[in-house]
Amino acid sequence: MPVHTSESSQGRRGRGVGLGLALVSALAFGGSGVAAKPLIEAGLDPLHVVWLRVAGGALVMLPVAVRHRGLPRRRPALLAGFGLLAVAGVQACYFAAISRIPVGVALLVEYLAPALVLGWVRLVQRRPVTRAAALGVVLAVGGLACVVEVWSGLSFDLLGLLLALGAACCQVGYFVLSDQGSDSGDQAPDPLGVIAYGLLVGTVVLTVVARPWNMDWSLLAHTADMDGTPVAAGLLLGWIVLVATVLAYVTGVLAVRRLSPQVAGVVACLEAVLATVLAWILLGEHLSAPQIVGGAVVLAGAFIAQSSAPARGSAEPVAGGGGEKEWSARGTAA
């Protein structure tokens, strides 16, 4: 039927745009490390860099918050949850985790989030997920283990692992909360407003944790070394704020709205791959053969996961593909 064909074509276009936004978000988030590392090596505390990142993003998005000043009255729980989990929670838990366990281990545990999102969809939302979606998660997590070479620094500090798992749970909150209101028509909160207030809430929380009044602000007036090349610290901070925070969150939330939390979550695993590649190019941190193979496996997992799910507005299950056998059958109760 012509109408069905038109709707199908529109759905494919919507999913294509969503996938493109998810890739831009992964690239933007992945670029934060290569800009933050020279600042940290120049003398800034990691938590101070995180505070500058979030506070700078909140300042940039402040006009958006003013424009949507009625949003806190209408959706206070959503904004508080986004700020506490998606902004402050992920950052604080991750940085606390890497103070106790190797970065690769913390990153791997944090990116268990796509698997946890699938669990949320299946157990909490009672929606079916397909074998292909589950396979995509398994491949992405397995490939990520190779990218971060988790075997080279394995450590079983219980508190560190729990903090990393906390970061993963907060990242689940990011994907689930980004999805709120995407199917509620005129009542859907504006994603830019959600991000603006989320960054404001995150700034307040991180101010208590990071204590920026103890920061050596003079370091921002100097240069930082990027693989032997001096780069203005202000330029690196600008990249972290405008690209790795504002652009990353905006495209990430819009991607979840067009795809689904679980698909966007798997595609987000590319962040670690892209971060590793950017570190190779800009910081001279060379890739090993297992890292290259792992990156290819993550790409394969992300492709399988996104191709197994229809776009927003489709009548099919969010995590299911047309005619594909579901990973867990629907309940028989009417």
Protein backbone atom coordinates (compact mmCIF):
# COMPACT_ATOMS: atom_id res chain seq x y z
CA MET A 1 0.00 0.00 0.00
CA PRO A 2 1.36 3.51 -0.81
CA VAL A 3 0.66 4.83 2.70
CA HIS A 4 2.49 1.92 4.33
CA THR A 5 5.46 2.44 2.00
CA SER A 6 5.56 6.15 2.85
CA GLU A 7 5.43 5.46 6.58
CA SER A 8 8.14 2.80 6.25
CA SER A 9 10.37 5.19 4.28
CA GLN A 10 9.80 7.94 6.85
CA GLY A 11 10.65 5.48 9.64
CA ARG A 12 13.90 4.51 7.93
CA ARG A 13 14.83 8.17 7.49
CA GLY A 14 14.07 8.85 11.15
CA ARG A 15 16.22 5.94 12.26
CA GLY A 16 19.02 7.07 9.93
CA VAL A 17 18.95 10.56 11.43
CA GLY A 18 18.84 9.08 14.93
CA LEU A 19 21.82 6.85 14.21
CA GLY A 20 23.75 9.83 12.81
CA LEU A 21 22.98 11.85 15.94
CA ALA A 22 24.08 8.93 18.15
CA LEU A 23 27.38 8.70 16.28
CA VAL A 24 27.98 12.47 16.60
CA SER A 25 27.21 12.20 20.32
CA ALA A 26 29.63 9.27 20.74
CA LEU A 27 32.34 11.21 18.88
CA ALA A 28 31.73 14.35 20.95
CA PHE A 29 31.75 12.48 24.27
CA GLY A 30 34.78 10.48 23.13
CA GLY A 31 36.70 13.66 22.41
CA SER A 32 36.49 14.82 26.02
CA GLY A 33 39.37 12.65 27.20
CA VAL A 34 41.95 13.86 24.69
CA ALA A 35 41.20 17.46 25.65
CA ALA A 36 40.94 16.83 29.40
CA LYS A 37 44.13 14.77 29.77
CA PRO A 38 46.53 17.65 28.84
CA LEU A 39 44.70 19.90 31.34
CA ILE A 40 45.03 17.28 34.07
CA GLU A 41 48.72 16.76 33.25
CA ALA A 42 49.17 20.56 33.41
CA GLY A 43 48.09 20.47 37.07
CA LEU A 44 44.27 20.63 37.19
CA ASP A 45 42.51 18.13 39.44
CA PRO A 46 40.28 15.71 37.46
CA LEU A 47 37.20 16.71 39.48
CA HIS A 48 37.91 20.37 38.76
CA VAL A 49 38.00 19.59 35.04
CA VAL A 50 34.63 17.83 35.39
CA TRP A 51 33.21 20.85 37.26
CA LEU A 52 34.48 23.25 34.59
CA ARG A 53 32.95 21.03 31.93
CA VAL A 54 29.49 20.87 33.49
CA ALA A 55 29.42 24.44 34.81
CA GLY A 56 30.58 25.76 31.44
CA GLY A 57 27.88 23.76 29.67
CA ALA A 58 25.27 25.09 32.11
CA LEU A 59 26.42 28.66 31.40
CA VAL A 60 26.14 28.13 27.63
CA MET A 61 22.67 26.61 28.00
CA LEU A 62 21.47 29.24 30.50
CA PRO A 63 19.48 31.23 27.85
CA VAL A 64 17.69 27.99 26.96
CA ALA A 65 16.84 27.43 30.63
CA VAL A 66 15.42 30.97 30.86
CA ARG A 67 13.32 30.36 27.76
CA HIS A 68 11.90 27.19 29.30
CA ARG A 69 11.53 28.59 32.81
CA GLY A 70 8.14 26.90 33.21
CA LEU A 71 9.69 23.45 32.80
CA PRO A 72 10.81 23.02 36.46
CA ARG A 73 7.20 23.46 37.60
CA ARG A 74 5.88 20.94 35.09
CA ARG A 75 8.58 18.25 35.25
CA PRO A 76 10.64 18.75 38.46
CA ALA A 77 11.33 15.03 38.97
CA LEU A 78 12.59 14.58 35.40
CA LEU A 79 14.96 17.56 35.62
CA ALA A 80 16.26 16.57 39.06
CA GLY A 81 16.77 12.97 37.91
CA PHE A 82 18.56 14.03 34.73
CA GLY A 83 20.86 16.39 36.62
CA LEU A 84 21.62 13.94 39.43
CA LEU A 85 22.02 10.79 37.32
CA ALA A 86 22.81 11.73 33.72
CA VAL A 87 25.14 14.62 34.56
CA ALA A 88 26.53 14.54 38.11
CA GLY A 89 26.10 10.85 38.90
CA VAL A 90 27.93 9.45 35.90
CA GLN A 91 30.83 11.87 36.27
CA ALA A 92 31.24 11.58 40.06
CA CYS A 93 30.95 7.78 40.19
CA TYR A 94 33.31 7.28 37.25
CA PHE A 95 36.05 9.56 38.61
CA ALA A 96 35.69 8.06 42.09
CA ALA A 97 35.96 4.59 40.53
CA ILE A 98 39.16 5.30 38.59
CA SER A 99 40.78 6.54 41.78
CA ARG A 100 40.57 2.95 43.05
CA ILE A 101 40.62 0.66 39.97
CA PRO A 102 42.24 0.85 36.50
CA VAL A 103 40.56 3.12 33.96
CA GLY A 104 39.96 0.24 31.54
CA VAL A 105 38.13 -1.82 34.15
CA ALA A 106 36.00 1.15 35.22
CA LEU A 107 35.16 1.96 31.60
CA LEU A 108 34.17 -1.63 30.87
CA VAL A 109 31.90 -1.82 33.92
CA GLU A 110 30.34 1.57 33.08
CA TYR A 111 29.53 0.38 29.58
CA LEU A 112 27.55 -2.54 30.92
CA ALA A 113 24.81 0.10 30.73
CA PRO A 114 23.40 -1.18 27.38
CA ALA A 115 22.84 -4.61 28.94
CA LEU A 116 21.22 -2.99 31.97
CA VAL A 117 18.99 -0.94 29.64
CA LEU A 118 17.82 -4.15 27.97
CA GLY A 119 17.04 -5.54 31.42
CA TRP A 120 15.07 -2.39 32.24
CA VAL A 121 13.08 -2.65 29.01
CA ARG A 122 12.32 -6.34 29.51
CA LEU A 123 11.75 -6.56 33.29
CA VAL A 124 10.44 -3.10 34.23
CA GLN A 125 8.70 -1.90 31.07
CA ARG A 126 7.62 -5.47 30.17
CA ARG A 127 8.54 -4.98 26.52
CA PRO A 128 10.06 -7.74 24.36
CA VAL A 129 13.63 -7.60 23.11
CA THR A 130 15.07 -9.64 20.27
CA ARG A 131 17.94 -12.06 20.10
CA ALA A 132 19.73 -9.65 17.74
CA ALA A 133 19.46 -6.79 20.25
CA ALA A 134 20.89 -9.02 22.98
CA LEU A 135 23.65 -10.26 20.64
CA GLY A 136 24.55 -6.65 19.81
CA VAL A 137 25.01 -5.89 23.52
CA VAL A 138 27.17 -8.99 24.08
CA LEU A 139 29.39 -8.16 21.09
CA ALA A 140 29.69 -4.49 22.09
CA VAL A 141 30.68 -5.30 25.69
CA GLY A 142 33.07 -8.05 24.57
CA GLY A 143 34.69 -5.78 22.01
CA LEU A 144 34.96 -3.01 24.57
CA ALA A 145 36.88 -5.37 26.86
CA CYS A 146 39.46 -5.71 24.08
CA VAL A 147 39.55 -1.95 23.39
CA VAL A 148 40.36 -1.10 27.01
CA GLU A 149 42.59 -4.22 27.34
CA VAL A 150 40.89 -5.04 30.62
CA TRP A 151 43.25 -7.99 31.25
CA SER A 152 46.28 -5.71 31.54
CA GLY A 153 45.18 -4.05 34.76
CA LEU A 154 42.59 -6.27 36.36
CA SER A 155 41.83 -5.27 39.94
CA PHE A 156 39.08 -6.45 42.24
CA ASP A 157 38.71 -3.51 44.60
CA LEU A 158 35.11 -4.04 45.71
CA LEU A 159 34.32 -0.38 46.39
CA GLY A 160 35.90 0.66 43.09
CA LEU A 161 33.82 -1.89 41.18
CA LEU A 162 30.66 -0.78 42.99
CA LEU A 163 31.39 2.84 42.07
CA ALA A 164 31.89 1.86 38.43
CA LEU A 165 28.62 -0.06 38.54
CA GLY A 166 27.04 3.07 40.01
CA ALA A 167 28.29 4.98 36.94
CA ALA A 168 26.69 2.31 34.73
CA CYS A 169 23.36 2.65 36.57
CA CYS A 170 23.53 6.44 36.23
CA GLN A 171 24.17 6.02 32.52
CA VAL A 172 21.06 3.84 32.30
CA GLY A 173 19.23 6.76 33.90
CA TYR A 174 20.61 9.02 31.16
CA PHE A 175 19.15 6.85 28.38
CA VAL A 176 15.85 6.14 30.13
CA LEU A 177 15.27 9.77 31.19
CA SER A 178 16.25 11.03 27.72
CA ASP A 179 13.41 8.86 26.40
CA GLN A 180 10.80 10.42 28.68
CA GLY A 181 7.98 12.13 26.83
CA SER A 182 9.16 11.03 23.38
CA ASP A 183 5.78 9.47 22.62
CA SER A 184 3.55 11.87 24.54
CA GLY A 185 2.81 14.38 21.80
CA ASP A 186 2.36 17.98 22.90
CA GLN A 187 3.21 17.08 26.50
CA ALA A 188 6.73 16.00 25.63
CA PRO A 189 9.30 18.22 27.41
CA ASP A 190 11.66 20.09 25.13
CA PRO A 191 14.96 18.12 25.08
CA LEU A 192 17.04 21.30 25.10
CA GLY A 193 15.23 22.50 28.21
CA VAL A 194 15.82 19.15 29.92
CA ILE A 195 19.54 19.32 29.11
CA ALA A 196 19.84 22.95 30.25
CA TYR A 197 18.27 22.31 33.64
CA GLY A 198 20.07 18.98 33.97
CA LEU A 199 23.40 20.78 33.59
CA LEU A 200 22.33 23.39 36.15
CA VAL A 201 21.39 20.71 38.68
CA GLY A 202 24.62 18.83 37.90
CA THR A 203 26.64 21.99 38.48
CA VAL A 204 25.12 22.50 41.93
CA VAL A 205 25.81 18.88 42.94
CA LEU A 206 29.36 18.84 41.54
CA THR A 207 30.17 22.17 43.20
CA VAL A 208 29.75 20.47 46.57
CA VAL A 209 31.90 17.51 45.46
CA ALA A 210 34.64 19.29 43.48
CA ARG A 211 35.03 22.47 45.61
CA PRO A 212 36.15 24.67 42.70
CA TRP A 213 37.22 27.48 45.05
CA ASN A 214 40.35 25.41 45.71
CA MET A 215 41.25 25.27 42.00
CA ASP A 216 44.35 26.97 40.59
CA TRP A 217 42.55 29.19 38.07
CA SER A 218 45.83 30.62 36.74
CA LEU A 219 46.50 27.31 34.91
CA LEU A 220 43.74 28.17 32.44
CA ALA A 221 45.75 31.19 31.23
CA HIS A 222 48.70 29.00 30.16
CA THR A 223 49.25 26.25 27.62
CA ALA A 224 48.99 22.49 28.00
CA ASP A 225 51.09 19.89 26.22
CA MET A 226 49.31 17.67 23.65
CA ASP A 227 51.83 15.06 22.48
CA GLY A 228 54.60 17.67 22.30
CA THR A 229 52.44 20.46 20.89
CA PRO A 230 51.57 23.37 23.22
CA VAL A 231 47.84 24.16 23.10
CA ALA A 232 46.10 27.00 24.91
CA ALA A 233 44.34 25.65 28.00
CA GLY A 234 41.37 27.93 27.26
CA LEU A 235 41.01 26.36 23.80
CA LEU A 236 40.98 22.85 25.29
CA LEU A 237 38.41 23.94 27.87
CA GLY A 238 36.28 25.47 25.11
CA TRP A 239 36.30 22.13 23.25
CA ILE A 240 35.32 20.25 26.42
CA VAL A 241 32.43 22.63 27.15
CA LEU A 242 31.02 23.30 23.67
CA VAL A 243 31.68 19.97 21.93
CA ALA A 244 32.19 17.29 24.59
CA THR A 245 29.35 18.57 26.78
CA VAL A 246 26.76 20.77 25.03
CA LEU A 247 26.90 19.14 21.57
CA ALA A 248 27.33 15.67 23.09
CA TYR A 249 24.29 15.90 25.37
CA VAL A 250 22.06 17.59 22.78
CA THR A 251 22.76 15.06 20.04
CA GLY A 252 22.65 12.18 22.53
CA VAL A 253 19.20 13.07 23.88
CA LEU A 254 17.83 13.69 20.37
CA ALA A 255 19.25 10.32 19.28
CA VAL A 256 17.42 8.50 22.09
CA ARG A 257 14.20 10.28 21.12
CA ARG A 258 14.54 9.02 17.51
CA LEU A 259 15.88 5.54 18.25
CA SER A 260 15.27 3.89 21.64
CA PRO A 261 17.24 3.79 24.91
CA GLN A 262 18.68 0.33 24.28
CA VAL A 263 19.78 0.98 20.69
CA ALA A 264 21.28 4.38 21.55
CA GLY A 265 23.02 2.73 24.50
CA VAL A 266 24.77 0.17 22.33
CA VAL A 267 25.80 2.80 19.77
CA ALA A 268 27.19 4.84 22.68
CA CYS A 269 29.74 2.05 23.24
CA LEU A 270 31.49 3.55 20.21
CA GLU A 271 32.50 6.40 22.51
CA ALA A 272 35.26 4.27 24.01
CA VAL A 273 36.45 3.19 20.56
CA LEU A 274 36.46 6.75 19.24
CA ALA A 275 38.19 7.99 22.38
CA THR A 276 40.92 5.38 21.89
CA VAL A 277 41.36 6.31 18.22
CA LEU A 278 41.49 10.05 19.02
CA ALA A 279 44.06 9.37 21.75
CA TRP A 280 46.10 7.47 19.15
CA ILE A 281 45.95 10.37 16.68
CA LEU A 282 46.25 13.36 19.04
CA LEU A 283 48.13 12.01 22.06
CA GLY A 284 50.34 9.41 20.41
CA GLU A 285 48.81 6.53 22.38
CA HIS A 286 49.20 3.71 19.87
CA LEU A 287 46.61 0.98 19.38
CA SER A 288 47.43 -2.70 19.81
CA ALA A 289 46.06 -5.51 17.63
CA PRO A 290 43.47 -6.57 20.27
CA GLN A 291 42.24 -2.96 20.50
CA ILE A 292 41.76 -2.75 16.73
CA VAL A 293 39.92 -6.09 16.68
CA GLY A 294 37.85 -5.03 19.69
CA GLY A 295 36.86 -1.79 17.95
CA ALA A 296 35.64 -3.77 14.93
CA VAL A 297 33.60 -6.04 17.23
CA VAL A 298 32.01 -3.03 18.97
CA LEU A 299 31.08 -1.62 15.56
CA ALA A 300 29.52 -4.96 14.60
CA GLY A 301 27.55 -5.10 17.84
CA ALA A 302 26.28 -1.54 17.41
CA PHE A 303 25.25 -2.27 13.80
CA ILE A 304 23.39 -5.44 14.76
CA ALA A 305 21.59 -3.71 17.64
CA GLN A 306 20.49 -0.66 15.65
CA SER A 307 19.40 -2.69 12.61
CA SER A 308 17.28 -4.98 14.78
CA ALA A 309 15.07 -2.18 16.09
CA PRO A 310 12.46 -0.16 14.20
CA ALA A 311 12.43 3.61 14.38
CA ARG A 312 10.17 5.66 16.55
CA GLY A 313 6.57 5.49 15.55
CA SER A 314 6.77 1.95 14.23
CA ALA A 315 4.10 -0.50 15.31
CA GLU A 316 6.75 -3.13 16.03
CA PRO A 317 8.34 -3.65 19.46
CA VAL A 318 11.02 -1.05 20.12
CA ALA A 319 13.70 -3.67 20.49
CA GLY A 320 12.42 -6.00 17.86
CA GLY A 321 12.95 -6.38 14.14
CA GLY A 322 10.36 -7.26 11.57
CA GLY A 323 9.52 -10.95 11.60
CA GLU A 324 12.39 -11.71 13.95
CA LYS A 325 12.02 -14.17 16.81
CA GLU A 326 11.81 -12.37 20.14
CA TRP A 327 14.46 -12.98 22.77
CA SER A 328 11.78 -13.31 25.42
CA ALA A 329 8.21 -14.15 24.46
CA ARG A 330 5.34 -11.84 25.35
CA GLY A 331 3.22 -12.75 28.33
CA THR A 332 0.03 -14.70 27.55
CA ALA A 333 -2.14 -12.62 29.84
CA ALA A 334 -4.45 -10.25 27.99
